[in-house]
PDB file of N, CA and C in Angstrom:
ATOM      1  N   MET A   1     117.108 104.577 104.243  1.00  0.00           N
ATOM      2  CA  MET A   1     115.649 104.904 104.446  1.00  0.00           C
ATOM      3  C   MET A   1     114.862 104.129 103.808  1.00  0.00           C
ATOM      4  N   PRO A   2     114.086 103.460 104.121  1.00  0.00           N
ATOM      5  CA  PRO A   2     112.915 102.804 103.327  1.00  0.00           C
ATOM      6  C   PRO A   2     111.816 103.866 102.200  1.00  0.00           C
ATOM      7  N   PRO A   3     111.251 103.055 101.129  1.00  0.00           N
ATOM      8  CA  PRO A   3     111.103 104.604 100.295  1.00  0.00           C
ATOM      9  C   PRO A   3     109.310 104.234 100.889  1.00  0.00           C
ATOM     10  N   CYS A   4     108.625 105.539 101.107  1.00  0.00           N
ATOM     11  CA  CYS A   4     107.191 105.500 101.481  1.00  0.00           C
ATOM     12  C   CYS A   4     106.910 104.066 100.761  1.00  0.00           C
ATOM     13  N   PRO A   5     105.800 103.289 101.394  1.00  0.00           N
ATOM     14  CA  PRO A   5     105.344 101.910 100.913  1.00  0.00           C
ATOM     15  C   PRO A   5     103.367 103.068 100.088  1.00  0.00           C
ATOM     16  N   LYS A   6     103.491 103.879 100.479  1.00  0.00           N
ATOM     17  CA  LYS A   6     101.909 105.370  99.972  1.00  0.00           C
ATOM     18  C   LYS A   6     102.806 105.801  98.940  1.00  0.00           C
ATOM     19  N   CYS A   7     103.826 106.363  97.956  1.00  0.00           N
ATOM     20  CA  CYS A   7     103.530 106.953  96.959  1.00  0.00           C
ATOM     21  C   CYS A   7     104.890 106.928  96.273  1.00  0.00           C
ATOM     22  N   ASN A   8     106.143 106.182  96.886  1.00  0.00           N
ATOM     23  CA  ASN A   8     107.988 105.509  96.694  1.00  0.00           C
ATOM     24  C   ASN A   8     108.360 106.303  96.601  1.00  0.00           C
ATOM     25  N   CYS A   9     108.495 107.823  97.473  1.00  0.00           N
ATOM     26  CA  CYS A   9     108.814 108.652  97.833  1.00  0.00           C
ATOM     27  C   CYS A   9     109.831 107.953  98.601  1.00  0.00           C
ATOM     28  N   GLU A  10     111.657 108.583  97.773  1.00  0.00           N
ATOM     29  CA  GLU A  10     113.149 108.084  97.831  1.00  0.00           C
ATOM     30  C   GLU A  10     112.908 108.768  99.565  1.00  0.00           C
ATOM     31  N   ASP A  11     112.632 110.037  99.190  1.00  0.00           N
ATOM     32  CA  ASP A  11     112.980 111.544 100.429  1.00  0.00           C
ATOM     33  C   ASP A  11     112.314 110.907 101.955  1.00  0.00           C
ATOM     34  N   THR A  12     112.519 109.913 102.350  1.00  0.00           N
ATOM     35  CA  THR A  12     112.145 109.244 104.122  1.00  0.00           C
ATOM     36  C   THR A  12     112.654 109.647 104.688  1.00  0.00           C
ATOM     37  N   TYR A  13     112.653 110.249 106.081  1.00  0.00           N
ATOM     38  CA  TYR A  13     112.935 110.755 107.021  1.00  0.00           C
ATOM     39  C   TYR A  13     112.622 109.730 107.961  1.00  0.00           C
ATOM     40  N   ASP A  14     113.316 109.528 109.187  1.00  0.00           N
ATOM     41  CA  ASP A  14     113.143 108.973 110.434  1.00  0.00           C
ATOM     42  C   ASP A  14     112.919 110.089 111.362  1.00  0.00           C
ATOM     43  N   ASP A  15     112.099 109.919 112.503  1.00  0.00           N
ATOM     44  CA  ASP A  15     110.816 110.916 113.515  1.00  0.00           C
ATOM     45  C   ASP A  15     110.875 110.113 114.725  1.00  0.00           C
ATOM     46  N   GLY A  16     112.035 109.732 115.221  1.00  0.00           N
ATOM     47  CA  GLY A  16     112.136 108.585 116.025  1.00  0.00           C
ATOM     48  C   GLY A  16     111.783 107.293 116.298  1.00  0.00           C
ATOM     49  N   THR A  17     110.218 106.924 115.998  1.00  0.00           N
ATOM     50  CA  THR A  17     109.482 105.352 115.633  1.00  0.00           C
ATOM     51  C   THR A  17     108.909 105.979 114.905  1.00  0.00           C
ATOM     52  N   MET A  18     108.984 106.644 113.587  1.00  0.00           N
ATOM     53  CA  MET A  18     107.963 106.746 112.601  1.00  0.00           C
ATOM     54  C   MET A  18     109.015 106.700 111.462  1.00  0.00           C
ATOM     55  N   TYR A  19     108.960 106.385 110.557  1.00  0.00           N
ATOM     56  CA  TYR A  19     109.626 107.481 109.853  1.00  0.00           C
ATOM     57  C   TYR A  19     108.415 108.006 108.394  1.00  0.00           C
ATOM     58  N   VAL A  20     108.637 108.885 107.661  1.00  0.00           N
ATOM     59  CA  VAL A  20     107.732 110.247 107.640  1.00  0.00           C
ATOM     60  C   VAL A  20     108.041 110.872 105.792  1.00  0.00           C
ATOM     61  N   CYS A  21     106.795 110.534 105.307  1.00  0.00           N
ATOM     62  CA  CYS A  21     107.204 110.889 103.638  1.00  0.00           C
ATOM     63  C   CYS A  21     106.641 112.710 103.811  1.00  0.00           C
ATOM     64  N   PRO A  22     108.044 113.265 103.009  1.00  0.00           N
ATOM     65  CA  PRO A  22     107.347 114.412 103.365  1.00  0.00           C
ATOM     66  C   PRO A  22     106.500 115.012 102.371  1.00  0.00           C
ATOM     67  N   GLU A  23     106.281 113.887 100.978  1.00  0.00           N
ATOM     68  CA  GLU A  23     105.555 114.614  99.537  1.00  0.00           C
ATOM     69  C   GLU A  23     104.523 114.221 100.028  1.00  0.00           C
ATOM     70  N   CYS A  24     103.785 113.348 100.547  1.00  0.00           N
ATOM     71  CA  CYS A  24     102.185 113.236 100.792  1.00  0.00           C
ATOM     72  C   CYS A  24     102.056 113.153 102.290  1.00  0.00           C
ATOM     73  N   GLY A  25     103.301 112.903 103.471  1.00  0.00           N
ATOM     74  CA  GLY A  25     102.695 112.938 103.914  1.00  0.00           C
ATOM     75  C   GLY A  25     102.248 111.661 105.276  1.00  0.00           C
ATOM     76  N   HIS A  26     102.464 110.923 104.724  1.00  0.00           N
ATOM     77  CA  HIS A  26     102.169 109.453 105.067  1.00  0.00           C
ATOM     78  C   HIS A  26     103.056 109.029 106.001  1.00  0.00           C
ATOM     79  N   GLU A  27     102.852 108.699 107.265  1.00  0.00           N
ATOM     80  CA  GLU A  27     103.668 107.861 108.375  1.00  0.00           C
ATOM     81  C   GLU A  27     103.163 106.182 108.641  1.00  0.00           C
ATOM     82  N   TRP A  28     104.176 105.939 109.222  1.00  0.00           N
ATOM     83  CA  TRP A  28     104.172 104.475 109.308  1.00  0.00           C
ATOM     84  C   TRP A  28     105.519 104.170 110.307  1.00  0.00           C
ATOM     85  N   SER A  29     105.425 102.773 110.977  1.00  0.00           N
ATOM     86  CA  SER A  29     106.518 102.369 112.248  1.00  0.00           C
ATOM     87  C   SER A  29     107.614 101.722 111.713  1.00  0.00           C
ATOM     88  N   SER A  30     108.570 101.809 111.806  1.00  0.00           N
ATOM     89  CA  SER A  30     110.061 101.701 111.776  1.00  0.00           C
ATOM     90  C   SER A  30     109.304  99.560 111.769  1.00  0.00           C
ATOM     91  N   GLN A  31     108.990  99.148 112.747  1.00  0.00           N
ATOM     92  CA  GLN A  31     108.079  98.232 113.783  1.00  0.00           C
ATOM     93  C   GLN A  31     107.523  97.470 112.093  1.00  0.00           C
ATOM     94  N   GLN A  32     106.608  98.189 111.663  1.00  0.00           N
ATOM     95  CA  GLN A  32     105.708  97.901 110.575  1.00  0.00           C
ATOM     96  C   GLN A  32     106.800  97.568 109.415  1.00  0.00           C
ATOM     97  N   GLU A  33     107.645  98.362 109.035  1.00  0.00           N
ATOM     98  CA  GLU A  33     108.543  98.133 108.169  1.00  0.00           C
ATOM     99  C   GLU A  33     109.637  96.994 108.595  1.00  0.00           C
ATOM    100  N   SER A  34     110.330  96.212 109.560  1.00  0.00           N
ATOM    101  CA  SER A  34     110.408  95.291 110.272  1.00  0.00           C
ATOM    102  C   SER A  34     109.845  93.809 109.432  1.00  0.00           C
ATOM    103  N   ASN A  35     108.284  93.714 110.154  1.00  0.00           N
ATOM    104  CA  ASN A  35     107.684  92.868 109.819  1.00  0.00           C
ATOM    105  C   ASN A  35     107.062  92.677 108.866  1.00  0.00           C
ATOM    106  N   GLU A  36     107.108  93.369 107.320  1.00  0.00           N
ATOM    107  CA  GLU A  36     106.912  93.527 106.406  1.00  0.00           C
ATOM    108  C   GLU A  36     108.111  92.439 105.415  1.00  0.00           C
ATOM    109  N   GLN A  37     108.914  93.284 105.923  1.00  0.00           N
ATOM    110  CA  GLN A  37     109.968  92.827 105.587  1.00  0.00           C
ATOM    111  C   GLN A  37     110.552  91.019 105.909  1.00  0.00           C
ATOM    112  N   ASP A  38     110.145  90.675 106.901  1.00  0.00           N
ATOM    113  CA  ASP A  38     109.942  89.387 107.223  1.00  0.00           C
ATOM    114  C   ASP A  38     109.356  88.574 107.061  1.00  0.00           C
ATOM    115  N   SER A  39     107.415  88.722 106.310  1.00  0.00           N
ATOM    116  CA  SER A  39     106.894  88.329 106.014  1.00  0.00           C
ATOM    117  C   SER A  39     107.124  88.303 104.324  1.00  0.00           C
ATOM    118  N   GLN A  40     108.434  88.846 103.766  1.00  0.00           N
ATOM    119  CA  GLN A  40     108.145  89.371 102.405  1.00  0.00           C
ATOM    120  C   GLN A  40     109.888  88.092 102.167  1.00  0.00           C
ATOM    121  N   GLU A  41     110.133  87.861 103.528  1.00  0.00           N
ATOM    122  CA  GLU A  41     111.562  86.666 103.250  1.00  0.00           C
ATOM    123  C   GLU A  41     111.101  85.594 103.525  1.00  0.00           C
ATOM    124  N   SER A  42     109.920  85.715 104.248  1.00  0.00           N
ATOM    125  CA  SER A  42     109.354  83.818 103.875  1.00  0.00           C
ATOM    126  C   SER A  42     109.639  83.459 103.146  1.00  0.00           C
ATOM    127  N   GLY A  43     109.334  83.359 101.623  1.00  0.00           N
ATOM    128  CA  GLY A  43     109.268  83.081 100.975  1.00  0.00           C
ATOM    129  C   GLY A  43     108.016  82.721 100.581  1.00  0.00           C
ATOM    130  N   VAL A  44     107.464  81.298  99.352  1.00  0.00           N
ATOM    131  CA  VAL A  44     106.777  80.870  98.723  1.00  0.00           C
ATOM    132  C   VAL A  44     105.758  80.576  99.733  1.00  0.00           C
ATOM    133  N   LYS A  45     104.206  80.430 100.201  1.00  0.00           N
ATOM    134  CA  LYS A  45     103.607  79.896 101.129  1.00  0.00           C
ATOM    135  C   LYS A  45     102.201  79.111 100.095  1.00  0.00           C
ATOM    136  N   ASP A  46     102.127  77.917 100.311  1.00  0.00           N
ATOM    137  CA  ASP A  46     100.761  77.916  99.313  1.00  0.00           C
ATOM    138  C   ASP A  46      99.218  77.853 100.243  1.00  0.00           C
ATOM    139  N   ALA A  47      98.036  77.745  99.358  1.00  0.00           N
ATOM    140  CA  ALA A  47      97.123  78.216 100.215  1.00  0.00           C
ATOM    141  C   ALA A  47      96.918  78.346 101.474  1.00  0.00           C
ATOM    142  N   TYR A  48      97.401  77.549 102.167  1.00  0.00           N
ATOM    143  CA  TYR A  48      97.281  77.086 103.819  1.00  0.00           C
ATOM    144  C   TYR A  48      98.064  77.697 105.158  1.00  0.00           C
ATOM    145  N   GLY A  49      99.296  78.219 103.957  1.00  0.00           N
ATOM    146  CA  GLY A  49      99.842  79.635 105.254  1.00  0.00           C
ATOM    147  C   GLY A  49     101.328  78.278 105.185  1.00  0.00           C
ATOM    148  N   THR A  50     101.631  77.047 104.694  1.00  0.00           N
ATOM    149  CA  THR A  50     102.396  76.013 104.785  1.00  0.00           C
ATOM    150  C   THR A  50     104.166  76.574 103.417  1.00  0.00           C
ATOM    151  N   PRO A  51     105.236  76.929 104.116  1.00  0.00           N
ATOM    152  CA  PRO A  51     106.106  77.145 103.467  1.00  0.00           C
ATOM    153  C   PRO A  51     106.656  75.837 102.048  1.00  0.00           C
ATOM    154  N   LEU A  52     106.465  76.188 101.057  1.00  0.00           N
ATOM    155  CA  LEU A  52     107.231  75.612 100.368  1.00  0.00           C
ATOM    156  C   LEU A  52     108.659  75.755  99.575  1.00  0.00           C
ATOM    157  N   GLN A  53     109.243  74.831  99.277  1.00  0.00           N
ATOM    158  CA  GLN A  53     110.476  73.890  98.701  1.00  0.00           C
ATOM    159  C   GLN A  53     110.641  73.939  97.403  1.00  0.00           C
ATOM    160  N   ASN A  54     111.622  74.311  96.455  1.00  0.00           N
ATOM    161  CA  ASN A  54     112.273  73.229  95.429  1.00  0.00           C
ATOM    162  C   ASN A  54     111.584  71.916  95.272  1.00  0.00           C
ATOM    163  N   GLY A  55     111.486  70.907  94.831  1.00  0.00           N
ATOM    164  CA  GLY A  55     111.029  69.749  94.910  1.00  0.00           C
ATOM    165  C   GLY A  55     110.319  69.221  95.474  1.00  0.00           C
ATOM    166  N   ASP A  56     109.344  69.821  96.455  1.00  0.00           N
ATOM    167  CA  ASP A  56     108.144  69.625  96.415  1.00  0.00           C
ATOM    168  C   ASP A  56     107.077  69.467  96.098  1.00  0.00           C
ATOM    169  N   SER A  57     106.417  68.197  96.594  1.00  0.00           N
ATOM    170  CA  SER A  57     104.709  67.565  95.763  1.00  0.00           C
ATOM    171  C   SER A  57     103.888  68.042  96.696  1.00  0.00           C
ATOM    172  N   VAL A  58     103.082  68.859  95.572  1.00  0.00           N
ATOM    173  CA  VAL A  58     101.466  69.627  95.791  1.00  0.00           C
ATOM    174  C   VAL A  58     100.397  69.199  95.176  1.00  0.00           C
ATOM    175  N   LEU A  59      99.585  69.319  95.729  1.00  0.00           N
ATOM    176  CA  LEU A  59      97.924  69.253  94.566  1.00  0.00           C
ATOM    177  C   LEU A  59      97.037  70.366  94.143  1.00  0.00           C
ATOM    178  N   VAL A  60      96.547  70.767  93.135  1.00  0.00           N
ATOM    179  CA  VAL A  60      95.549  71.388  92.874  1.00  0.00           C
ATOM    180  C   VAL A  60      94.381  71.295  93.606  1.00  0.00           C
ATOM    181  N   ILE A  61      93.946  72.868  94.093  1.00  0.00           N
ATOM    182  CA  ILE A  61      92.962  72.567  95.129  1.00  0.00           C
ATOM    183  C   ILE A  61      91.401  72.741  94.487  1.00  0.00           C
ATOM    184  N   LYS A  62      91.360  73.309  93.404  1.00  0.00           N
ATOM    185  CA  LYS A  62      90.335  73.854  92.467  1.00  0.00           C
ATOM    186  C   LYS A  62      90.172  73.209  91.070  1.00  0.00           C
ATOM    187  N   ASP A  63      89.760  74.012  90.268  1.00  0.00           N
ATOM    188  CA  ASP A  63      89.512  73.092  89.045  1.00  0.00           C
ATOM    189  C   ASP A  63      91.109  74.820  88.496  1.00  0.00           C
ATOM    190  N   LEU A  64      91.166  74.479  87.769  1.00  0.00           N
ATOM    191  CA  LEU A  64      91.853  75.693  86.707  1.00  0.00           C
ATOM    192  C   LEU A  64      91.891  75.977  85.498  1.00  0.00           C
ATOM    193  N   LYS A  65      91.169  76.430  85.274  1.00  0.00           N
ATOM    194  CA  LYS A  65      91.712  76.312  83.763  1.00  0.00           C
ATOM    195  C   LYS A  65      92.243  77.285  83.035  1.00  0.00           C
ATOM    196  N   VAL A  66      93.428  76.454  82.216  1.00  0.00           N
ATOM    197  CA  VAL A  66      94.510  76.500  80.891  1.00  0.00           C
ATOM    198  C   VAL A  66      93.882  77.284  79.442  1.00  0.00           C
ATOM    199  N   LYS A  67      94.251  78.319  79.486  1.00  0.00           N
ATOM    200  CA  LYS A  67      94.452  78.758  78.648  1.00  0.00           C
ATOM    201  C   LYS A  67      94.863  78.549  77.144  1.00  0.00           C
ATOM    202  N   GLY A  68      94.434  79.120  76.009  1.00  0.00           N
ATOM    203  CA  GLY A  68      94.277  78.110  74.960  1.00  0.00           C
ATOM    204  C   GLY A  68      93.831  76.701  74.961  1.00  0.00           C
ATOM    205  N   SER A  69      93.424  76.243  75.798  1.00  0.00           N
ATOM    206  CA  SER A  69      92.769  74.837  75.616  1.00  0.00           C
ATOM    207  C   SER A  69      92.002  74.608  76.344  1.00  0.00           C
ATOM    208  N   SER A  70      90.345  73.656  75.716  1.00  0.00           N
ATOM    209  CA  SER A  70      89.736  73.242  76.066  1.00  0.00           C
ATOM    210  C   SER A  70      89.671  72.684  77.780  1.00  0.00           C
ATOM    211  N   MET A  71      90.539  72.521  77.923  1.00  0.00           N
ATOM    212  CA  MET A  71      90.343  70.944  79.009  1.00  0.00           C
ATOM    213  C   MET A  71      90.713  72.297  80.003  1.00  0.00           C
ATOM    214  N   ALA A  72      90.590  71.716  81.541  1.00  0.00           N
ATOM    215  CA  ALA A  72      91.005  72.187  82.734  1.00  0.00           C
ATOM    216  C   ALA A  72      91.925  71.734  83.196  1.00  0.00           C
ATOM    217  N   VAL A  73      93.141  71.815  84.644  1.00  0.00           N
ATOM    218  CA  VAL A  73      93.129  70.692  85.282  1.00  0.00           C
ATOM    219  C   VAL A  73      92.470  70.933  86.770  1.00  0.00           C
ATOM    220  N   LYS A  74      92.238  69.274  86.672  1.00  0.00           N
ATOM    221  CA  LYS A  74      91.117  69.473  87.732  1.00  0.00           C
ATOM    222  C   LYS A  74      91.661  69.413  89.054  1.00  0.00           C
ATOM    223  N   GLY A  75      91.288  69.754  90.367  1.00  0.00           N
ATOM    224  CA  GLY A  75      91.425  69.845  91.599  1.00  0.00           C
ATOM    225  C   GLY A  75      90.984  68.579  92.066  1.00  0.00           C
ATOM    226  N   GLY A  76      92.553  67.674  92.774  1.00  0.00           N
ATOM    227  CA  GLY A  76      93.099  66.912  93.786  1.00  0.00           C
ATOM    228  C   GLY A  76      94.062  66.195  92.804  1.00  0.00           C
ATOM    229  N   THR A  77      94.539  67.298  91.600  1.00  0.00           N
ATOM    230  CA  THR A  77      95.813  66.693  90.610  1.00  0.00           C
ATOM    231  C   THR A  77      97.003  67.044  92.012  1.00  0.00           C
ATOM    232  N   LYS A  78      97.772  65.566  91.543  1.00  0.00           N
ATOM    233  CA  LYS A  78      99.078  65.761  92.269  1.00  0.00           C
ATOM    234  C   LYS A  78     100.155  65.988  91.801  1.00  0.00           C
ATOM    235  N   VAL A  79     101.037  67.518  91.728  1.00  0.00           N
ATOM    236  CA  VAL A  79     102.054  67.433  91.138  1.00  0.00           C
ATOM    237  C   VAL A  79     103.506  67.707  91.711  1.00  0.00           C
ATOM    238  N   LYS A  80     104.346  66.827  91.105  1.00  0.00           N
ATOM    239  CA  LYS A  80     105.595  65.885  92.059  1.00  0.00           C
ATOM    240  C   LYS A  80     106.953  67.648  91.326  1.00  0.00           C
ATOM    241  N   ASN A  81     107.482  67.173  92.277  1.00  0.00           N
ATOM    242  CA  ASN A  81     108.857  67.933  92.127  1.00  0.00           C
ATOM    243  C   ASN A  81     108.696  69.960  91.359  1.00  0.00           C
ATOM    244  N   ILE A  82     107.682  70.114  92.490  1.00  0.00           N
ATOM    245  CA  ILE A  82     108.226  71.575  91.642  1.00  0.00           C
ATOM    246  C   ILE A  82     109.138  72.836  91.355  1.00  0.00           C
ATOM    247  N   ARG A  83     109.050  74.030  90.919  1.00  0.00           N
ATOM    248  CA  ARG A  83     110.229  74.581  91.291  1.00  0.00           C
ATOM    249  C   ARG A  83     109.896  75.801  91.104  1.00  0.00           C
ATOM    250  N   LEU A  84     110.535  76.894  92.237  1.00  0.00           N
ATOM    251  CA  LEU A  84     110.137  78.167  92.692  1.00  0.00           C
ATOM    252  C   LEU A  84     110.430  78.899  92.015  1.00  0.00           C
ATOM    253  N   VAL A  85     109.730  80.164  91.306  1.00  0.00           N
ATOM    254  CA  VAL A  85     110.550  80.671  90.386  1.00  0.00           C
ATOM    255  C   VAL A  85     109.263  82.860  90.803  1.00  0.00           C
ATOM    256  N   GLU A  86     110.153  84.141  90.384  1.00  0.00           N
ATOM    257  CA  GLU A  86     110.091  84.964  90.713  1.00  0.00           C
ATOM    258  C   GLU A  86     109.087  85.381  89.697  1.00  0.00           C
ATOM    259  N   GLY A  87     108.025  85.918  90.600  1.00  0.00           N
ATOM    260  CA  GLY A  87     106.625  86.627  89.394  1.00  0.00           C
ATOM    261  C   GLY A  87     105.186  85.842  90.460  1.00  0.00           C
ATOM    262  N   ASP A  88     104.564  86.806  89.727  1.00  0.00           N
ATOM    263  CA  ASP A  88     103.044  86.648  89.455  1.00  0.00           C
ATOM    264  C   ASP A  88     102.082  84.798  90.077  1.00  0.00           C
ATOM    265  N   HIS A  89     103.020  83.283  88.425  1.00  0.00           N
ATOM    266  CA  HIS A  89     102.782  83.027  88.926  1.00  0.00           C
ATOM    267  C   HIS A  89     104.195  82.110  89.319  1.00  0.00           C
ATOM    268  N   ASP A  90     103.951  81.863  90.641  1.00  0.00           N
ATOM    269  CA  ASP A  90     105.933  81.270  91.285  1.00  0.00           C
ATOM    270  C   ASP A  90     105.925  79.722  91.414  1.00  0.00           C
ATOM    271  N   ILE A  91     105.511  79.219  90.528  1.00  0.00           N
ATOM    272  CA  ILE A  91     105.630  78.049  91.124  1.00  0.00           C
ATOM    273  C   ILE A  91     105.632  77.328  89.427  1.00  0.00           C
ATOM    274  N   ASP A  92     106.965  76.899  89.104  1.00  0.00           N
ATOM    275  CA  ASP A  92     107.350  75.977  87.501  1.00  0.00           C
ATOM    276  C   ASP A  92     107.436  74.482  87.462  1.00  0.00           C
ATOM    277  N   CYS A  93     105.959  73.618  86.982  1.00  0.00           N
ATOM    278  CA  CYS A  93     106.227  72.484  87.120  1.00  0.00           C
ATOM    279  C   CYS A  93     105.420  71.613  85.719  1.00  0.00           C
ATOM    280  N   LYS A  94     105.447  70.362  86.014  1.00  0.00           N
ATOM    281  CA  LYS A  94     104.947  69.546  84.900  1.00  0.00           C
ATOM    282  C   LYS A  94     104.000  68.846  85.723  1.00  0.00           C
ATOM    283  N   ILE A  95     102.672  68.623  84.892  1.00  0.00           N
ATOM    284  CA  ILE A  95     102.059  68.515  85.186  1.00  0.00           C
ATOM    285  C   ILE A  95     101.096  67.060  84.321  1.00  0.00           C
ATOM    286  N   PRO A  96     101.318  65.672  84.813  1.00  0.00           N
ATOM    287  CA  PRO A  96     100.951  64.663  84.037  1.00  0.00           C
ATOM    288  C   PRO A  96      98.857  64.980  82.794  1.00  0.00           C
ATOM    289  N   GLY A  97      99.918  65.545  81.471  1.00  0.00           N
ATOM    290  CA  GLY A  97      98.481  65.307  80.715  1.00  0.00           C
ATOM    291  C   GLY A  97      98.814  66.592  79.829  1.00  0.00           C
ATOM    292  N   PHE A  98      99.053  67.754  80.694  1.00  0.00           N
ATOM    293  CA  PHE A  98      99.466  68.944  80.571  1.00  0.00           C
ATOM    294  C   PHE A  98     100.960  69.293  80.265  1.00  0.00           C
ATOM    295  N   GLY A  99     101.932  69.094  80.267  1.00  0.00           N
ATOM    296  CA  GLY A  99     103.219  69.073  79.836  1.00  0.00           C
ATOM    297  C   GLY A  99     103.966  70.131  80.740  1.00  0.00           C
ATOM    298  N   ALA A 100     104.790  71.054  80.819  1.00  0.00           N
ATOM    299  CA  ALA A 100     105.576  72.253  81.878  1.00  0.00           C
ATOM    300  C   ALA A 100     104.253  73.333  81.641  1.00  0.00           C
ATOM    301  N   MET A 101     104.041  73.850  82.789  1.00  0.00           N
ATOM    302  CA  MET A 101     103.155  75.028  83.476  1.00  0.00           C
ATOM    303  C   MET A 101     103.414  75.626  84.277  1.00  0.00           C
ATOM    304  N   GLN A 102     102.579  77.243  84.530  1.00  0.00           N
ATOM    305  CA  GLN A 102     103.571  77.887  85.817  1.00  0.00           C
ATOM    306  C   GLN A 102     101.917  77.492  86.420  1.00  0.00           C
ATOM    307  N   LEU A 103     102.301  77.877  88.013  1.00  0.00           N
ATOM    308  CA  LEU A 103     101.042  78.309  89.034  1.00  0.00           C
ATOM    309  C   LEU A 103     101.316  78.973  90.289  1.00  0.00           C
ATOM    310  N   LYS A 104      99.780  79.494  90.269  1.00  0.00           N
ATOM    311  CA  LYS A 104     100.214  80.320  91.194  1.00  0.00           C
ATOM    312  C   LYS A 104     100.014  79.420  92.782  1.00  0.00           C
ATOM    313  N   SER A 105     101.076  79.846  94.008  1.00  0.00           N
ATOM    314  CA  SER A 105     100.817  79.199  94.676  1.00  0.00           C
ATOM    315  C   SER A 105      99.330  79.092  95.762  1.00  0.00           C
ATOM    316  N   GLU A 106      99.237  79.857  95.376  1.00  0.00           N
ATOM    317  CA  GLU A 106      97.932  80.239  96.113  1.00  0.00           C
ATOM    318  C   GLU A 106      96.136  79.488  95.395  1.00  0.00           C
ATOM    319  N   PHE A 107      96.757  78.625  94.942  1.00  0.00           N
ATOM    320  CA  PHE A 107      95.462  77.000  94.243  1.00  0.00           C
ATOM    321  C   PHE A 107      96.132  76.042  94.413  1.00  0.00           C
ATOM    322  N   VAL A 108      97.216  76.140  95.851  1.00  0.00           N
ATOM    323  CA  VAL A 108      98.536  74.483  96.009  1.00  0.00           C
ATOM    324  C   VAL A 108      97.972  73.927  97.530  1.00  0.00           C
ATOM    325  N   LYS A 109      98.057  72.965  97.437  1.00  0.00           N
ATOM    326  CA  LYS A 109      98.047  72.508  99.112  1.00  0.00           C
ATOM    327  C   LYS A 109      99.751  71.706  98.807  1.00  0.00           C
ATOM    328  N   LYS A 110     100.528  71.893 100.350  1.00  0.00           N
ATOM    329  CA  LYS A 110     101.998  71.103  99.549  1.00  0.00           C
ATOM    330  C   LYS A 110     101.293  69.477 100.031  1.00  0.00           C
ATOM    331  N   VAL A 111     101.699  68.593 100.157  1.00  0.00           N
ATOM    332  CA  VAL A 111     101.302  66.908 100.082  1.00  0.00           C
ATOM    333  C   VAL A 111     102.264  67.061 100.712  1.00  0.00           C
ATOM    334  N   VAL A 112     102.447  66.338 102.250  1.00  0.00           N
ATOM    335  CA  VAL A 112     103.318  66.040 103.205  1.00  0.00           C
ATOM    336  C   VAL A 112     103.733  64.383 103.407  1.00  0.00           C
TER     337      VAL A 112
END
């Protein structure tokens, strides 16, 4: 059984088409659970919902401040050969003029 999405209780049970949490009383459909798993398995997507893969090229869509630097990565900067990683910043790359960096996929657009 999946844990409760509200309180993470492990003691959930199946009540026909619904899952029920005995601790907080939260109920959710098994269909909702499978939709959430599908969206998690779909991978990393850019700001426009296009799936990203290792080796893709992307454009930065807005100016991004760089911690520890007075410079910013300008919108429209092209980044080649990205690598997808786990975590909040899910793109590992090298940006011309800055070097190795991690970016959030919500601030890039895939170059076709």
